[in-house]
C-alpha atoms as a PDB file:
ATOM      1  CA  MET A   1     -31.816 104.906  16.234  1.00  0.00           C
ATOM      2  CA  SER A   2     -31.073 107.482  13.558  1.00  0.00           C
ATOM      3  CA  VAL A   3     -31.025 111.267  14.026  1.00  0.00           C
ATOM      4  CA  SER A   4     -34.360 111.633  12.226  1.00  0.00           C
ATOM      5  CA  GLU A   5     -35.968 108.859  14.324  1.00  0.00           C
ATOM      6  CA  ASN A   6     -34.695 110.515  17.517  1.00  0.00           C
ATOM      7  CA  ILE A   7     -36.212 113.841  16.455  1.00  0.00           C
ATOM      8  CA  GLN A   8     -39.570 112.255  15.673  1.00  0.00           C
ATOM      9  CA  LYS A   9     -39.548 110.469  19.036  1.00  0.00           C
ATOM     10  CA  ILE A  10     -38.845 113.675  20.996  1.00  0.00           C
ATOM     11  CA  LYS A  11     -41.362 115.715  18.997  1.00  0.00           C
ATOM     12  CA  ALA A  12     -44.001 113.099  19.806  1.00  0.00           C
ATOM     13  CA  GLU A  13     -43.246 113.539  23.525  1.00  0.00           C
ATOM     14  CA  ILE A  14     -43.463 117.324  23.695  1.00  0.00           C
ATOM     15  CA  PRO A  15     -46.557 119.547  23.459  1.00  0.00           C
ATOM     16  CA  SER A  16     -46.893 121.559  20.250  1.00  0.00           C
ATOM     17  CA  GLU A  17     -46.308 124.836  22.098  1.00  0.00           C
ATOM     18  CA  VAL A  18     -42.855 123.713  23.335  1.00  0.00           C
ATOM     19  CA  THR A  19     -39.945 124.592  21.043  1.00  0.00           C
ATOM     20  CA  LEU A  20     -37.200 122.032  20.410  1.00  0.00           C
ATOM     21  CA  VAL A  21     -33.694 123.424  19.949  1.00  0.00           C
ATOM     22  CA  ALA A  22     -31.419 120.704  18.549  1.00  0.00           C
ATOM     23  CA  ILE A  23     -27.984 121.238  20.100  1.00  0.00           C
ATOM     24  CA  SER A  24     -25.605 120.526  17.249  1.00  0.00           C
ATOM     25  CA  LYS A  25     -22.288 121.640  18.796  1.00  0.00           C
ATOM     26  CA  THR A  26     -19.284 119.545  17.654  1.00  0.00           C
ATOM     27  CA  LYS A  27     -21.555 117.715  15.186  1.00  0.00           C
ATOM     28  CA  PRO A  28     -20.803 117.609  11.431  1.00  0.00           C
ATOM     29  CA  ASN A  29     -23.021 119.280   8.822  1.00  0.00           C
ATOM     30  CA  ASP A  30     -24.220 115.866   7.613  1.00  0.00           C
ATOM     31  CA  ASP A  31     -25.856 115.193  10.994  1.00  0.00           C
ATOM     32  CA  ILE A  32     -27.467 118.633  10.990  1.00  0.00           C
ATOM     33  CA  LEU A  33     -28.772 118.075   7.454  1.00  0.00           C
ATOM     34  CA  GLU A  34     -30.287 114.754   8.513  1.00  0.00           C
ATOM     35  CA  ALA A  35     -32.137 116.564  11.301  1.00  0.00           C
ATOM     36  CA  TYR A  36     -33.051 119.348   8.858  1.00  0.00           C
ATOM     37  CA  ASN A  37     -34.489 116.844   6.397  1.00  0.00           C
ATOM     38  CA  ALA A  38     -36.558 115.403   9.255  1.00  0.00           C
ATOM     39  CA  GLY A  39     -38.153 118.839   9.646  1.00  0.00           C
ATOM     40  CA  GLN A  40     -35.968 120.375  12.367  1.00  0.00           C
ATOM     41  CA  ARG A  41     -35.188 124.065  11.757  1.00  0.00           C
ATOM     42  CA  ILE A  42     -33.842 125.357  15.083  1.00  0.00           C
ATOM     43  CA  PHE A  43     -30.276 124.503  16.057  1.00  0.00           C
ATOM     44  CA  GLY A  44     -28.143 125.555  19.006  1.00  0.00           C
ATOM     45  CA  GLU A  45     -24.383 126.013  19.203  1.00  0.00           C
ATOM     46  CA  ASN A  46     -22.075 127.020  22.035  1.00  0.00           C
ATOM     47  CA  LYS A  47     -19.111 128.374  20.052  1.00  0.00           C
ATOM     48  CA  ILE A  48     -19.611 131.425  17.861  1.00  0.00           C
ATOM     49  CA  GLN A  49     -16.912 130.487  15.332  1.00  0.00           C
ATOM     50  CA  GLU A  50     -18.349 127.006  14.796  1.00  0.00           C
ATOM     51  CA  MET A  51     -21.882 128.388  14.497  1.00  0.00           C
ATOM     52  CA  THR A  52     -20.806 131.054  11.979  1.00  0.00           C
ATOM     53  CA  GLN A  53     -19.094 128.460   9.816  1.00  0.00           C
ATOM     54  CA  LYS A  54     -22.198 126.253   9.850  1.00  0.00           C
ATOM     55  CA  TRP A  55     -24.448 129.226   9.086  1.00  0.00           C
ATOM     56  CA  GLU A  56     -22.346 129.944   5.985  1.00  0.00           C
ATOM     57  CA  GLU A  57     -22.499 126.347   4.746  1.00  0.00           C
ATOM     58  CA  LEU A  58     -26.026 125.199   5.647  1.00  0.00           C
ATOM     59  CA  PRO A  59     -29.554 126.139   4.438  1.00  0.00           C
ATOM     60  CA  LYS A  60     -30.488 129.735   5.145  1.00  0.00           C
ATOM     61  CA  ASP A  61     -33.885 128.989   6.702  1.00  0.00           C
ATOM     62  CA  ILE A  62     -32.188 127.489   9.767  1.00  0.00           C
ATOM     63  CA  GLU A  63     -32.736 129.492  12.957  1.00  0.00           C
ATOM     64  CA  TRP A  64     -29.509 129.592  14.967  1.00  0.00           C
ATOM     65  CA  HIS A  65     -29.479 129.860  18.752  1.00  0.00           C
ATOM     66  CA  MET A  66     -26.343 130.664  20.746  1.00  0.00           C
ATOM     67  CA  VAL A  67     -26.629 128.600  23.919  1.00  0.00           C
ATOM     68  CA  GLY A  68     -23.114 128.893  25.349  1.00  0.00           C
ATOM     69  CA  HIS A  69     -21.348 131.561  27.360  1.00  0.00           C
ATOM     70  CA  VAL A  70     -20.742 134.595  25.136  1.00  0.00           C
ATOM     71  CA  GLN A  71     -17.516 136.597  24.930  1.00  0.00           C
ATOM     72  CA  ARG A  72     -18.291 140.194  24.056  1.00  0.00           C
ATOM     73  CA  ASN A  73     -15.494 140.499  21.492  1.00  0.00           C
ATOM     74  CA  LYS A  74     -17.079 137.735  19.389  1.00  0.00           C
ATOM     75  CA  VAL A  75     -20.634 139.083  19.232  1.00  0.00           C
ATOM     76  CA  LYS A  76     -19.895 140.830  15.920  1.00  0.00           C
ATOM     77  CA  TYR A  77     -19.413 137.496  14.139  1.00  0.00           C
ATOM     78  CA  MET A  78     -22.915 136.212  14.906  1.00  0.00           C
ATOM     79  CA  ALA A  79     -24.773 139.546  14.803  1.00  0.00           C
ATOM     80  CA  PRO A  80     -25.727 139.194  11.091  1.00  0.00           C
ATOM     81  CA  PHE A  81     -27.733 135.990  11.635  1.00  0.00           C
ATOM     82  CA  VAL A  82     -28.219 134.709  15.219  1.00  0.00           C
ATOM     83  CA  SER A  83     -31.900 134.466  16.237  1.00  0.00           C
ATOM     84  CA  VAL A  84     -31.695 133.992  19.993  1.00  0.00           C
ATOM     85  CA  ILE A  85     -28.871 134.356  22.530  1.00  0.00           C
ATOM     86  CA  HIS A  86     -29.720 132.164  25.529  1.00  0.00           C
ATOM     87  CA  ALA A  87     -27.032 133.021  28.044  1.00  0.00           C
ATOM     88  CA  VAL A  88     -27.037 136.775  28.606  1.00  0.00           C
ATOM     89  CA  ASP A  89     -25.595 137.488  32.042  1.00  0.00           C
ATOM     90  CA  SER A  90     -24.683 141.184  32.038  1.00  0.00           C
ATOM     91  CA  LEU A  91     -25.765 144.616  30.867  1.00  0.00           C
ATOM     92  CA  LYS A  92     -22.338 145.005  29.210  1.00  0.00           C
ATOM     93  CA  LEU A  93     -23.058 142.006  26.992  1.00  0.00           C
ATOM     94  CA  LEU A  94     -26.529 143.341  26.098  1.00  0.00           C
ATOM     95  CA  LYS A  95     -24.992 146.679  25.111  1.00  0.00           C
ATOM     96  CA  GLU A  96     -22.562 144.911  22.778  1.00  0.00           C
ATOM     97  CA  VAL A  97     -25.337 142.815  21.220  1.00  0.00           C
ATOM     98  CA  ASN A  98     -27.397 145.980  20.691  1.00  0.00           C
ATOM     99  CA  LYS A  99     -24.439 147.781  19.106  1.00  0.00           C
ATOM    100  CA  GLN A 100     -23.615 144.938  16.702  1.00  0.00           C
ATOM    101  CA  ALA A 101     -27.278 144.207  15.825  1.00  0.00           C
ATOM    102  CA  LYS A 102     -27.741 147.876  14.944  1.00  0.00           C
ATOM    103  CA  LYS A 103     -25.038 147.582  12.251  1.00  0.00           C
ATOM    104  CA  HIS A 104     -27.185 144.959  10.527  1.00  0.00           C
ATOM    105  CA  ASP A 105     -30.489 146.707  11.262  1.00  0.00           C
ATOM    106  CA  ARG A 106     -31.693 143.683  13.234  1.00  0.00           C
ATOM    107  CA  VAL A 107     -33.375 143.009  16.564  1.00  0.00           C
ATOM    108  CA  ILE A 108     -31.840 140.040  18.392  1.00  0.00           C
ATOM    109  CA  ASN A 109     -33.878 138.187  21.003  1.00  0.00           C
ATOM    110  CA  CYS A 110     -32.047 137.463  24.244  1.00  0.00           C
ATOM    111  CA  LEU A 111     -32.723 135.371  27.338  1.00  0.00           C
ATOM    112  CA  LEU A 112     -31.315 136.195  30.758  1.00  0.00           C
ATOM    113  CA  GLN A 113     -29.498 133.220  32.254  1.00  0.00           C
ATOM    114  CA  ILE A 114     -30.540 132.729  35.875  1.00  0.00           C
ATOM    115  CA  LYS A 115     -28.253 130.657  38.078  1.00  0.00           C
ATOM    116  CA  ILE A 116     -30.417 127.916  39.556  1.00  0.00           C
ATOM    117  CA  ALA A 117     -27.779 125.187  40.022  1.00  0.00           C
ATOM    118  CA  GLU A 118     -25.383 124.893  42.939  1.00  0.00           C
ATOM    119  CA  GLU A 119     -22.380 124.034  40.790  1.00  0.00           C
ATOM    120  CA  GLU A 120     -19.724 126.731  40.634  1.00  0.00           C
ATOM    121  CA  SER A 121     -19.077 125.919  36.967  1.00  0.00           C
ATOM    122  CA  LYS A 122     -22.560 127.020  35.894  1.00  0.00           C
ATOM    123  CA  TYR A 123     -22.950 130.599  34.753  1.00  0.00           C
ATOM    124  CA  GLY A 124     -25.902 132.814  35.502  1.00  0.00           C
ATOM    125  CA  ILE A 125     -27.125 135.800  37.472  1.00  0.00           C
ATOM    126  CA  THR A 126     -29.390 136.319  40.465  1.00  0.00           C
ATOM    127  CA  ILE A 127     -33.048 137.363  40.245  1.00  0.00           C
ATOM    128  CA  ASP A 128     -32.108 140.815  41.584  1.00  0.00           C
ATOM    129  CA  ALA A 129     -29.427 141.275  38.948  1.00  0.00           C
ATOM    130  CA  ALA A 130     -31.907 140.256  36.223  1.00  0.00           C
ATOM    131  CA  LYS A 131     -34.457 142.742  37.556  1.00  0.00           C
ATOM    132  CA  GLU A 132     -31.794 145.445  37.584  1.00  0.00           C
ATOM    133  CA  ILE A 133     -31.013 144.827  33.899  1.00  0.00           C
ATOM    134  CA  LEU A 134     -34.693 144.849  32.886  1.00  0.00           C
ATOM    135  CA  ASP A 135     -35.384 148.051  34.827  1.00  0.00           C
ATOM    136  CA  SER A 136     -32.245 149.851  33.665  1.00  0.00           C
ATOM    137  CA  GLU A 137     -32.553 152.949  31.541  1.00  0.00           C
ATOM    138  CA  ALA A 138     -29.795 151.565  29.305  1.00  0.00           C
ATOM    139  CA  TYR A 139     -31.874 148.503  28.400  1.00  0.00           C
ATOM    140  CA  GLN A 140     -35.101 150.521  28.046  1.00  0.00           C
ATOM    141  CA  ASN A 141     -33.369 152.641  25.404  1.00  0.00           C
ATOM    142  CA  MET A 142     -32.001 149.744  23.350  1.00  0.00           C
ATOM    143  CA  GLN A 143     -33.613 149.443  19.910  1.00  0.00           C
ATOM    144  CA  HIS A 144     -31.860 146.299  18.672  1.00  0.00           C
ATOM    145  CA  VAL A 145     -32.210 143.741  21.459  1.00  0.00           C
ATOM    146  CA  LYS A 146     -35.296 142.323  23.106  1.00  0.00           C
ATOM    147  CA  ILE A 147     -35.213 140.261  26.299  1.00  0.00           C
ATOM    148  CA  THR A 148     -37.886 137.637  25.672  1.00  0.00           C
ATOM    149  CA  GLY A 149     -37.471 135.377  28.699  1.00  0.00           C
ATOM    150  CA  LEU A 150     -35.203 133.355  30.946  1.00  0.00           C
ATOM    151  CA  MET A 151     -32.848 130.409  30.635  1.00  0.00           C
ATOM    152  CA  GLY A 152     -31.466 128.120  33.312  1.00  0.00           C
ATOM    153  CA  MET A 153     -29.450 124.934  33.771  1.00  0.00           C
ATOM    154  CA  ALA A 154     -30.258 122.547  36.591  1.00  0.00           C
ATOM    155  CA  THR A 155     -27.648 120.855  38.769  1.00  0.00           C
ATOM    156  CA  LEU A 156     -26.132 117.731  37.224  1.00  0.00           C
ATOM    157  CA  THR A 157     -27.489 115.218  39.715  1.00  0.00           C
ATOM    158  CA  GLU A 158     -29.305 111.909  40.007  1.00  0.00           C
ATOM    159  CA  SER A 159     -31.852 113.593  42.285  1.00  0.00           C
ATOM    160  CA  GLU A 160     -34.983 114.312  40.276  1.00  0.00           C
ATOM    161  CA  ASP A 161     -36.386 116.088  43.298  1.00  0.00           C
ATOM    162  CA  LYS A 162     -33.524 118.599  43.286  1.00  0.00           C
ATOM    163  CA  ILE A 163     -33.883 119.232  39.541  1.00  0.00           C
ATOM    164  CA  ARG A 164     -37.638 119.668  39.931  1.00  0.00           C
ATOM    165  CA  LYS A 165     -37.132 122.240  42.714  1.00  0.00           C
ATOM    166  CA  GLU A 166     -34.670 124.235  40.599  1.00  0.00           C
ATOM    167  CA  PHE A 167     -36.938 124.184  37.537  1.00  0.00           C
ATOM    168  CA  THR A 168     -39.998 125.117  39.605  1.00  0.00           C
ATOM    169  CA  PHE A 169     -38.091 128.057  41.064  1.00  0.00           C
ATOM    170  CA  LEU A 170     -37.170 129.230  37.557  1.00  0.00           C
ATOM    171  CA  ARG A 171     -40.734 128.826  36.300  1.00  0.00           C
ATOM    172  CA  THR A 172     -42.102 130.864  39.231  1.00  0.00           C
ATOM    173  CA  THR A 173     -39.505 133.574  38.560  1.00  0.00           C
ATOM    174  CA  PHE A 174     -40.429 133.588  34.866  1.00  0.00           C
ATOM    175  CA  GLU A 175     -44.131 133.999  35.654  1.00  0.00           C
ATOM    176  CA  ALA A 176     -43.387 136.911  38.012  1.00  0.00           C
ATOM    177  CA  PHE A 177     -41.245 138.693  35.399  1.00  0.00           C
ATOM    178  CA  LYS A 178     -43.817 137.984  32.705  1.00  0.00           C
ATOM    179  CA  GLU A 179     -46.420 140.033  34.562  1.00  0.00           C
ATOM    180  CA  GLU A 180     -44.237 143.118  34.208  1.00  0.00           C
ATOM    181  CA  ASN A 181     -42.645 142.429  30.811  1.00  0.00           C
ATOM    182  CA  ASP A 182     -44.874 142.030  27.761  1.00  0.00           C
ATOM    183  CA  ASN A 183     -42.021 140.531  25.715  1.00  0.00           C
ATOM    184  CA  PHE A 184     -41.615 137.528  28.022  1.00  0.00           C
ATOM    185  CA  THR A 185     -42.642 134.424  26.058  1.00  0.00           C
ATOM    186  CA  THR A 186     -39.708 132.024  26.442  1.00  0.00           C
ATOM    187  CA  LEU A 187     -38.609 129.839  29.328  1.00  0.00           C
ATOM    188  CA  SER A 188     -35.613 127.839  28.119  1.00  0.00           C
ATOM    189  CA  MET A 189     -34.967 124.939  30.489  1.00  0.00           C
ATOM    190  CA  GLY A 190     -34.394 121.235  30.055  1.00  0.00           C
ATOM    191  CA  MET A 191     -31.636 119.325  28.254  1.00  0.00           C
ATOM    192  CA  SER A 192     -31.174 115.699  27.180  1.00  0.00           C
ATOM    193  CA  GLY A 193     -30.865 114.415  30.737  1.00  0.00           C
ATOM    194  CA  ASP A 194     -33.699 116.379  32.331  1.00  0.00           C
ATOM    195  CA  TYR A 195     -36.085 117.735  29.676  1.00  0.00           C
ATOM    196  CA  LYS A 196     -38.884 115.377  30.752  1.00  0.00           C
ATOM    197  CA  ILE A 197     -38.818 116.956  34.224  1.00  0.00           C
ATOM    198  CA  ALA A 198     -38.648 120.427  32.631  1.00  0.00           C
ATOM    199  CA  LEU A 199     -41.784 119.641  30.584  1.00  0.00           C
ATOM    200  CA  LYS A 200     -43.677 118.847  33.795  1.00  0.00           C
ATOM    201  CA  CYS A 201     -42.407 122.114  35.291  1.00  0.00           C
ATOM    202  CA  GLY A 202     -43.740 124.239  32.444  1.00  0.00           C
ATOM    203  CA  THR A 203     -40.801 124.897  30.134  1.00  0.00           C
ATOM    204  CA  THR A 204     -41.530 126.471  26.734  1.00  0.00           C
ATOM    205  CA  MET A 205     -38.199 125.584  25.100  1.00  0.00           C
ATOM    206  CA  ILE A 206     -35.895 122.568  25.519  1.00  0.00           C
ATOM    207  CA  ARG A 207     -32.266 122.253  24.383  1.00  0.00           C
ATOM    208  CA  VAL A 208     -31.553 118.668  23.348  1.00  0.00           C
ATOM    209  CA  GLY A 209     -28.254 117.412  21.930  1.00  0.00           C
ATOM    210  CA  SER A 210     -27.076 113.897  22.749  1.00  0.00           C
ATOM    211  CA  SER A 211     -30.627 112.444  22.728  1.00  0.00           C
ATOM    212  CA  ILE A 212     -30.806 113.515  19.068  1.00  0.00           C
ATOM    213  CA  PHE A 213     -27.255 113.232  17.768  1.00  0.00           C
ATOM    214  CA  GLY A 214     -25.739 110.663  20.152  1.00  0.00           C
ATOM    215  CA  GLU A 215     -22.821 111.270  22.490  1.00  0.00           C
ATOM    216  CA  ARG A 216     -20.389 114.025  21.589  1.00  0.00           C
ATOM    217  CA  ASN A 217     -16.846 113.449  20.527  1.00  0.00           C
ATOM    218  CA  TYR A 218     -14.609 116.238  21.799  1.00  0.00           C
ATOM    219  CA  ASN A 219     -11.362 114.861  20.343  1.00  0.00           C
END
């Protein structure tokens, strides 16, 4: 199936209130344009340099999401254009985003990445650490970032039960935070391998790459 057919198939499966982020990392501009011509406008990247290059070359009505781990010294490159940063895991990073967004007179939406998987390789913070950031005076005083929700990555496993438990935990956490934070609208969970489970668990945003663009070539 083609990129555009894959997009239509996924869009038919998801409720209208769920946002599809097409993960275009390592993919050429031609593939992104095919998705764009099929109506897709939100794309996710995990390397700031690659995303910046694509932003310069591709249509300007694309909304770019940074879904990978962010190094603070590279925030300045994406500050002029990035819409959402999915993987915020420290107050230090938020401060840098705020500082760089201010230079461009922008407000950048951010999601706190909660660690729900058991794998050591997965980034993320605890619920307590997230609460600490939200309650901090430093964050309360920031004018150029807005925490709009949570993001999480489930364990890479064959066990649907395990994935469901992790997603349910994240959803419950999101609902609890939402009661105290008016800005909370986004729960980013679910990728190519597990987005169908995430949909059942109440996600509002899914990040799908290989199910749209095919397997990645890292060579």
